[in-house]
PDB file of N, CA and C in Angstrom:
ATOM      1  N   ILE A   1     103.463 116.460 112.599  1.00  0.00           N
ATOM      2  CA  ILE A   1     102.289 115.751 112.051  1.00  0.00           C
ATOM      3  C   ILE A   1     101.359 115.397 113.207  1.00  0.00           C
ATOM      4  N   GLU A   2     100.093 115.752 113.023  1.00  0.00           N
ATOM      5  CA  GLU A   2      99.066 115.331 113.954  1.00  0.00           C
ATOM      6  C   GLU A   2      98.260 114.238 113.244  1.00  0.00           C
ATOM      7  N   THR A   3      97.833 113.245 114.012  1.00  0.00           N
ATOM      8  CA  THR A   3      97.145 112.092 113.447  1.00  0.00           C
ATOM      9  C   THR A   3      95.721 112.004 113.967  1.00  0.00           C
ATOM     10  N   ILE A   4      94.797 111.810 113.049  1.00  0.00           N
ATOM     11  CA  ILE A   4      93.381 111.596 113.388  1.00  0.00           C
ATOM     12  C   ILE A   4      92.990 110.226 112.841  1.00  0.00           C
ATOM     13  N   VAL A   5      92.507 109.378 113.744  1.00  0.00           N
ATOM     14  CA  VAL A   5      91.956 108.082 113.362  1.00  0.00           C
ATOM     15  C   VAL A   5      90.452 108.158 113.585  1.00  0.00           C
ATOM     16  N   LEU A   6      89.701 108.159 112.523  1.00  0.00           N
ATOM     17  CA  LEU A   6      88.249 108.320 112.601  1.00  0.00           C
ATOM     18  C   LEU A   6      87.561 107.066 113.107  1.00  0.00           C
ATOM     19  N   THR A   7      86.613 107.277 114.015  1.00  0.00           N
ATOM     20  CA  THR A   7      85.799 106.168 114.474  1.00  0.00           C
ATOM     21  C   THR A   7      84.377 106.259 113.911  1.00  0.00           C
ATOM     22  N   SER A   8      84.135 107.363 113.178  1.00  0.00           N
ATOM     23  CA  SER A   8      82.809 107.600 112.611  1.00  0.00           C
ATOM     24  C   SER A   8      82.990 108.437 111.322  1.00  0.00           C
ATOM     25  N   PRO A   9      82.124 108.236 110.343  1.00  0.00           N
ATOM     26  CA  PRO A   9      82.198 109.072 109.134  1.00  0.00           C
ATOM     27  C   PRO A   9      81.529 110.429 109.288  1.00  0.00           C
ATOM     28  N   ASP A  10      80.924 110.670 110.452  1.00  0.00           N
ATOM     29  CA  ASP A  10      80.199 111.910 110.700  1.00  0.00           C
ATOM     30  C   ASP A  10      81.150 112.992 111.236  1.00  0.00           C
ATOM     31  N   PRO A  11      81.255 114.131 110.551  1.00  0.00           N
ATOM     32  CA  PRO A  11      82.158 115.179 111.024  1.00  0.00           C
ATOM     33  C   PRO A  11      81.756 115.763 112.366  1.00  0.00           C
ATOM     34  N   ASP A  12      80.517 115.616 112.764  1.00  0.00           N
ATOM     35  CA  ASP A  12      80.071 116.101 114.060  1.00  0.00           C
ATOM     36  C   ASP A  12      80.668 115.270 115.191  1.00  0.00           C
ATOM     37  N   ASP A  13      81.206 114.114 114.891  1.00  0.00           N
ATOM     38  CA  ASP A  13      81.819 113.263 115.898  1.00  0.00           C
ATOM     39  C   ASP A  13      83.299 113.544 116.127  1.00  0.00           C
ATOM     40  N   LEU A  14      83.877 114.513 115.355  1.00  0.00           N
ATOM     41  CA  LEU A  14      85.250 114.919 115.594  1.00  0.00           C
ATOM     42  C   LEU A  14      85.347 115.572 116.957  1.00  0.00           C
ATOM     43  N   THR A  15      86.464 115.370 117.630  1.00  0.00           N
ATOM     44  CA  THR A  15      86.689 116.062 118.886  1.00  0.00           C
ATOM     45  C   THR A  15      86.981 117.539 118.567  1.00  0.00           C
ATOM     46  N   LEU A  16      86.911 118.376 119.564  1.00  0.00           N
ATOM     47  CA  LEU A  16      87.265 119.772 119.350  1.00  0.00           C
ATOM     48  C   LEU A  16      88.706 119.914 118.908  1.00  0.00           C
ATOM     49  N   ARG A  17      89.591 119.123 119.485  1.00  0.00           N
ATOM     50  CA  ARG A  17      91.010 119.168 119.110  1.00  0.00           C
ATOM     51  C   ARG A  17      91.203 118.757 117.631  1.00  0.00           C
ATOM     52  N   GLN A  18      90.533 117.678 117.230  1.00  0.00           N
ATOM     53  CA  GLN A  18      90.622 117.222 115.842  1.00  0.00           C
ATOM     54  C   GLN A  18      90.098 118.281 114.869  1.00  0.00           C
ATOM     55  N   ALA A  19      88.968 118.872 115.192  1.00  0.00           N
ATOM     56  CA  ALA A  19      88.379 119.915 114.350  1.00  0.00           C
ATOM     57  C   ALA A  19      89.322 121.111 114.270  1.00  0.00           C
ATOM     58  N   ARG A  20      89.960 121.476 115.375  1.00  0.00           N
ATOM     59  CA  ARG A  20      90.902 122.592 115.389  1.00  0.00           C
ATOM     60  C   ARG A  20      92.104 122.289 114.506  1.00  0.00           C
ATOM     61  N   TRP A  21      92.657 121.047 114.634  1.00  0.00           N
ATOM     62  CA  TRP A  21      93.797 120.647 113.767  1.00  0.00           C
ATOM     63  C   TRP A  21      93.434 120.813 112.294  1.00  0.00           C
ATOM     64  N   LEU A  22      92.256 120.312 111.915  1.00  0.00           N
ATOM     65  CA  LEU A  22      91.850 120.410 110.500  1.00  0.00           C
ATOM     66  C   LEU A  22      91.711 121.862 110.074  1.00  0.00           C
ATOM     67  N   ALA A  23      91.170 122.699 110.936  1.00  0.00           N
ATOM     68  CA  ALA A  23      90.973 124.112 110.626  1.00  0.00           C
ATOM     69  C   ALA A  23      92.294 124.863 110.476  1.00  0.00           C
ATOM     70  N   GLN A  24      93.362 124.380 111.115  1.00  0.00           N
ATOM     71  CA  GLN A  24      94.648 125.046 111.109  1.00  0.00           C
ATOM     72  C   GLN A  24      95.651 124.370 110.158  1.00  0.00           C
ATOM     73  N   ALA A  25      95.312 123.273 109.580  1.00  0.00           N
ATOM     74  CA  ALA A  25      96.261 122.490 108.806  1.00  0.00           C
ATOM     75  C   ALA A  25      96.730 123.190 107.527  1.00  0.00           C
ATOM     76  N   ASP A  26      98.033 123.095 107.272  1.00  0.00           N
ATOM     77  CA  ASP A  26      98.573 123.545 105.976  1.00  0.00           C
ATOM     78  C   ASP A  26      98.376 122.505 104.912  1.00  0.00           C
ATOM     79  N   ARG A  27      98.332 121.246 105.361  1.00  0.00           N
ATOM     80  CA  ARG A  27      98.068 120.124 104.440  1.00  0.00           C
ATOM     81  C   ARG A  27      97.386 119.014 105.201  1.00  0.00           C
ATOM     82  N   VAL A  28      96.525 118.294 104.479  1.00  0.00           N
ATOM     83  CA  VAL A  28      95.849 117.128 105.051  1.00  0.00           C
ATOM     84  C   VAL A  28      96.208 115.940 104.189  1.00  0.00           C
ATOM     85  N   THR A  29      96.807 114.923 104.818  1.00  0.00           N
ATOM     86  CA  THR A  29      97.062 113.658 104.123  1.00  0.00           C
ATOM     87  C   THR A  29      95.979 112.698 104.578  1.00  0.00           C
ATOM     88  N   HIS A  30      95.540 111.856 103.640  1.00  0.00           N
ATOM     89  CA  HIS A  30      94.411 110.987 103.982  1.00  0.00           C
ATOM     90  C   HIS A  30      94.398 109.744 103.123  1.00  0.00           C
ATOM     91  N   ARG A  31      93.680 108.753 103.592  1.00  0.00           N
ATOM     92  CA  ARG A  31      93.461 107.499 102.827  1.00  0.00           C
ATOM     93  C   ARG A  31      92.216 107.657 101.961  1.00  0.00           C
ATOM     94  N   ALA A  32      92.078 106.772 101.009  1.00  0.00           N
ATOM     95  CA  ALA A  32      90.984 106.844 100.051  1.00  0.00           C
ATOM     96  C   ALA A  32      89.602 106.692 100.721  1.00  0.00           C
ATOM     97  N   ASP A  33      89.564 105.989 101.860  1.00  0.00           N
ATOM     98  CA  ASP A  33      88.248 105.749 102.510  1.00  0.00           C
ATOM     99  C   ASP A  33      87.827 106.855 103.487  1.00  0.00           C
ATOM    100  N   VAL A  34      88.566 107.953 103.562  1.00  0.00           N
ATOM    101  CA  VAL A  34      88.165 109.059 104.452  1.00  0.00           C
ATOM    102  C   VAL A  34      87.053 109.851 103.769  1.00  0.00           C
ATOM    103  N   PRO A  35      85.901 110.020 104.437  1.00  0.00           N
ATOM    104  CA  PRO A  35      84.765 110.706 103.826  1.00  0.00           C
ATOM    105  C   PRO A  35      85.066 112.161 103.467  1.00  0.00           C
ATOM    106  N   ALA A  36      84.512 112.605 102.352  1.00  0.00           N
ATOM    107  CA  ALA A  36      84.685 114.010 101.927  1.00  0.00           C
ATOM    108  C   ALA A  36      84.145 114.968 102.970  1.00  0.00           C
ATOM    109  N   ALA A  37      83.104 114.577 103.687  1.00  0.00           N
ATOM    110  CA  ALA A  37      82.546 115.468 104.723  1.00  0.00           C
ATOM    111  C   ALA A  37      83.577 115.788 105.817  1.00  0.00           C
ATOM    112  N   ILE A  38      84.453 114.866 106.083  1.00  0.00           N
ATOM    113  CA  ILE A  38      85.521 115.084 107.060  1.00  0.00           C
ATOM    114  C   ILE A  38      86.545 116.038 106.472  1.00  0.00           C
ATOM    115  N   LEU A  39      86.978 115.727 105.234  1.00  0.00           N
ATOM    116  CA  LEU A  39      87.995 116.568 104.579  1.00  0.00           C
ATOM    117  C   LEU A  39      87.511 117.987 104.370  1.00  0.00           C
ATOM    118  N   ASP A  40      86.210 118.170 104.220  1.00  0.00           N
ATOM    119  CA  ASP A  40      85.627 119.518 104.054  1.00  0.00           C
ATOM    120  C   ASP A  40      85.796 120.375 105.297  1.00  0.00           C
ATOM    121  N   ARG A  41      86.139 119.792 106.434  1.00  0.00           N
ATOM    122  CA  ARG A  41      86.366 120.560 107.642  1.00  0.00           C
ATOM    123  C   ARG A  41      87.754 121.187 107.679  1.00  0.00           C
ATOM    124  N   ALA A  42      88.590 120.817 106.731  1.00  0.00           N
ATOM    125  CA  ALA A  42      89.959 121.372 106.676  1.00  0.00           C
ATOM    126  C   ALA A  42      89.910 122.806 106.133  1.00  0.00           C
ATOM    127  N   ARG A  43      90.942 123.541 106.434  1.00  0.00           N
ATOM    128  CA  ARG A  43      91.097 124.892 105.922  1.00  0.00           C
ATOM    129  C   ARG A  43      90.946 124.884 104.406  1.00  0.00           C
ATOM    130  N   ALA A  44      90.254 125.857 103.845  1.00  0.00           N
ATOM    131  CA  ALA A  44      89.950 125.877 102.416  1.00  0.00           C
ATOM    132  C   ALA A  44      91.191 125.854 101.548  1.00  0.00           C
ATOM    133  N   ASP A  45      92.271 126.501 101.999  1.00  0.00           N
ATOM    134  CA  ASP A  45      93.490 126.552 101.188  1.00  0.00           C
ATOM    135  C   ASP A  45      94.513 125.482 101.567  1.00  0.00           C
ATOM    136  N   ALA A  46      94.127 124.544 102.400  1.00  0.00           N
ATOM    137  CA  ALA A  46      95.060 123.464 102.785  1.00  0.00           C
ATOM    138  C   ALA A  46      95.233 122.500 101.635  1.00  0.00           C
ATOM    139  N   ASP A  47      96.474 122.069 101.398  1.00  0.00           N
ATOM    140  CA  ASP A  47      96.738 121.029 100.398  1.00  0.00           C
ATOM    141  C   ASP A  47      96.150 119.719 100.886  1.00  0.00           C
ATOM    142  N   ARG A  48      95.593 118.956  99.968  1.00  0.00           N
ATOM    143  CA  ARG A  48      95.111 117.603 100.297  1.00  0.00           C
ATOM    144  C   ARG A  48      95.926 116.597  99.522  1.00  0.00           C
ATOM    145  N   MET A  49      96.377 115.557 100.232  1.00  0.00           N
ATOM    146  CA  MET A  49      97.205 114.558  99.607  1.00  0.00           C
ATOM    147  C   MET A  49      96.683 113.173  99.927  1.00  0.00           C
ATOM    148  N   LEU A  50      96.287 112.446  98.889  1.00  0.00           N
ATOM    149  CA  LEU A  50      95.862 111.056  99.050  1.00  0.00           C
ATOM    150  C   LEU A  50      97.126 110.219  99.097  1.00  0.00           C
ATOM    151  N   CYS A  51      97.364 109.524 100.202  1.00  0.00           N
ATOM    152  CA  CYS A  51      98.568 108.716 100.321  1.00  0.00           C
ATOM    153  C   CYS A  51      98.365 107.662 101.421  1.00  0.00           C
ATOM    154  N   ASP A  52      99.196 106.619 101.364  1.00  0.00           N
ATOM    155  CA  ASP A  52      99.128 105.567 102.351  1.00  0.00           C
ATOM    156  C   ASP A  52      99.940 105.910 103.608  1.00  0.00           C
ATOM    157  N   VAL A  53     101.006 106.692 103.408  1.00  0.00           N
ATOM    158  CA  VAL A  53     101.864 107.102 104.509  1.00  0.00           C
ATOM    159  C   VAL A  53     102.102 108.604 104.393  1.00  0.00           C
ATOM    160  N   ALA A  54     101.928 109.332 105.467  1.00  0.00           N
ATOM    161  CA  ALA A  54     102.115 110.774 105.442  1.00  0.00           C
ATOM    162  C   ALA A  54     103.592 111.089 105.277  1.00  0.00           C
ATOM    163  N   PRO A  55     103.929 111.999 104.355  1.00  0.00           N
ATOM    164  CA  PRO A  55     105.338 112.380 104.198  1.00  0.00           C
ATOM    165  C   PRO A  55     105.808 113.172 105.396  1.00  0.00           C
ATOM    166  N   ARG A  56     107.043 112.971 105.753  1.00  0.00           N
ATOM    167  CA  ARG A  56     107.644 113.662 106.924  1.00  0.00           C
ATOM    168  C   ARG A  56     108.494 114.830 106.456  1.00  0.00           C
ATOM    169  N   GLY A  57     108.742 115.743 107.364  1.00  0.00           N
ATOM    170  CA  GLY A  57     109.700 116.809 107.081  1.00  0.00           C
ATOM    171  C   GLY A  57     109.172 117.992 106.267  1.00  0.00           C
ATOM    172  N   LEU A  58     107.882 118.046 106.044  1.00  0.00           N
ATOM    173  CA  LEU A  58     107.326 119.161 105.295  1.00  0.00           C
ATOM    174  C   LEU A  58     107.067 120.336 106.252  1.00  0.00           C
ATOM    175  N   PRO A  59     107.193 121.563 105.776  1.00  0.00           N
ATOM    176  CA  PRO A  59     106.957 122.719 106.641  1.00  0.00           C
ATOM    177  C   PRO A  59     105.478 122.864 106.966  1.00  0.00           C
ATOM    178  N   GLY A  60     105.208 123.512 108.085  1.00  0.00           N
ATOM    179  CA  GLY A  60     103.823 123.767 108.467  1.00  0.00           C
ATOM    180  C   GLY A  60     103.171 122.563 109.130  1.00  0.00           C
ATOM    181  N   LEU A  61     101.891 122.676 109.393  1.00  0.00           N
ATOM    182  CA  LEU A  61     101.139 121.650 110.069  1.00  0.00           C
ATOM    183  C   LEU A  61     100.533 120.663 109.097  1.00  0.00           C
ATOM    184  N   THR A  62     100.900 119.399 109.267  1.00  0.00           N
ATOM    185  CA  THR A  62     100.302 118.312 108.489  1.00  0.00           C
ATOM    186  C   THR A  62      99.373 117.532 109.398  1.00  0.00           C
ATOM    187  N   VAL A  63      98.175 117.259 108.949  1.00  0.00           N
ATOM    188  CA  VAL A  63      97.219 116.425 109.663  1.00  0.00           C
ATOM    189  C   VAL A  63      96.985 115.188 108.823  1.00  0.00           C
ATOM    190  N   ASP A  64      97.261 114.034 109.391  1.00  0.00           N
ATOM    191  CA  ASP A  64      97.088 112.780 108.720  1.00  0.00           C
ATOM    192  C   ASP A  64      95.801 112.116 109.205  1.00  0.00           C
ATOM    193  N   VAL A  65      94.894 111.816 108.267  1.00  0.00           N
ATOM    194  CA  VAL A  65      93.567 111.280 108.621  1.00  0.00           C
ATOM    195  C   VAL A  65      93.403 109.874 108.040  1.00  0.00           C
ATOM    196  N   SER A  66      92.977 108.958 108.877  1.00  0.00           N
ATOM    197  CA  SER A  66      92.689 107.601 108.434  1.00  0.00           C
ATOM    198  C   SER A  66      91.436 107.124 109.204  1.00  0.00           C
ATOM    199  N   THR A  67      90.869 106.017 108.772  1.00  0.00           N
ATOM    200  CA  THR A  67      89.724 105.455 109.463  1.00  0.00           C
ATOM    201  C   THR A  67      90.176 104.261 110.304  1.00  0.00           C
ATOM    202  N   ALA A  68      89.476 104.049 111.402  1.00  0.00           N
ATOM    203  CA  ALA A  68      89.769 102.888 112.248  1.00  0.00           C
ATOM    204  C   ALA A  68      89.397 101.620 111.484  1.00  0.00           C
ATOM    205  N   ARG A  69      90.154 100.625 111.627  1.00  0.00           N
ATOM    206  CA  ARG A  69      89.886  99.374 110.866  1.00  0.00           C
ATOM    207  C   ARG A  69      89.285  98.338 111.757  1.00  0.00           C
TER     208      ARG A  69
END
């Protein structure tokens, strides 16, 4: 699991590493307050899961996205 904590709702503010994780993710777990513009940077066929805690032990790359509080 790779974790992204957003400091901005603007997808242009993602680091190259964060953008690469999203582009390669098999699934993206996220909180309700994560902007759709960020989630749209994920691979088109990646599963999206709205959850408070990212599930562990799933195959492939999981990217967990939340916003800074």
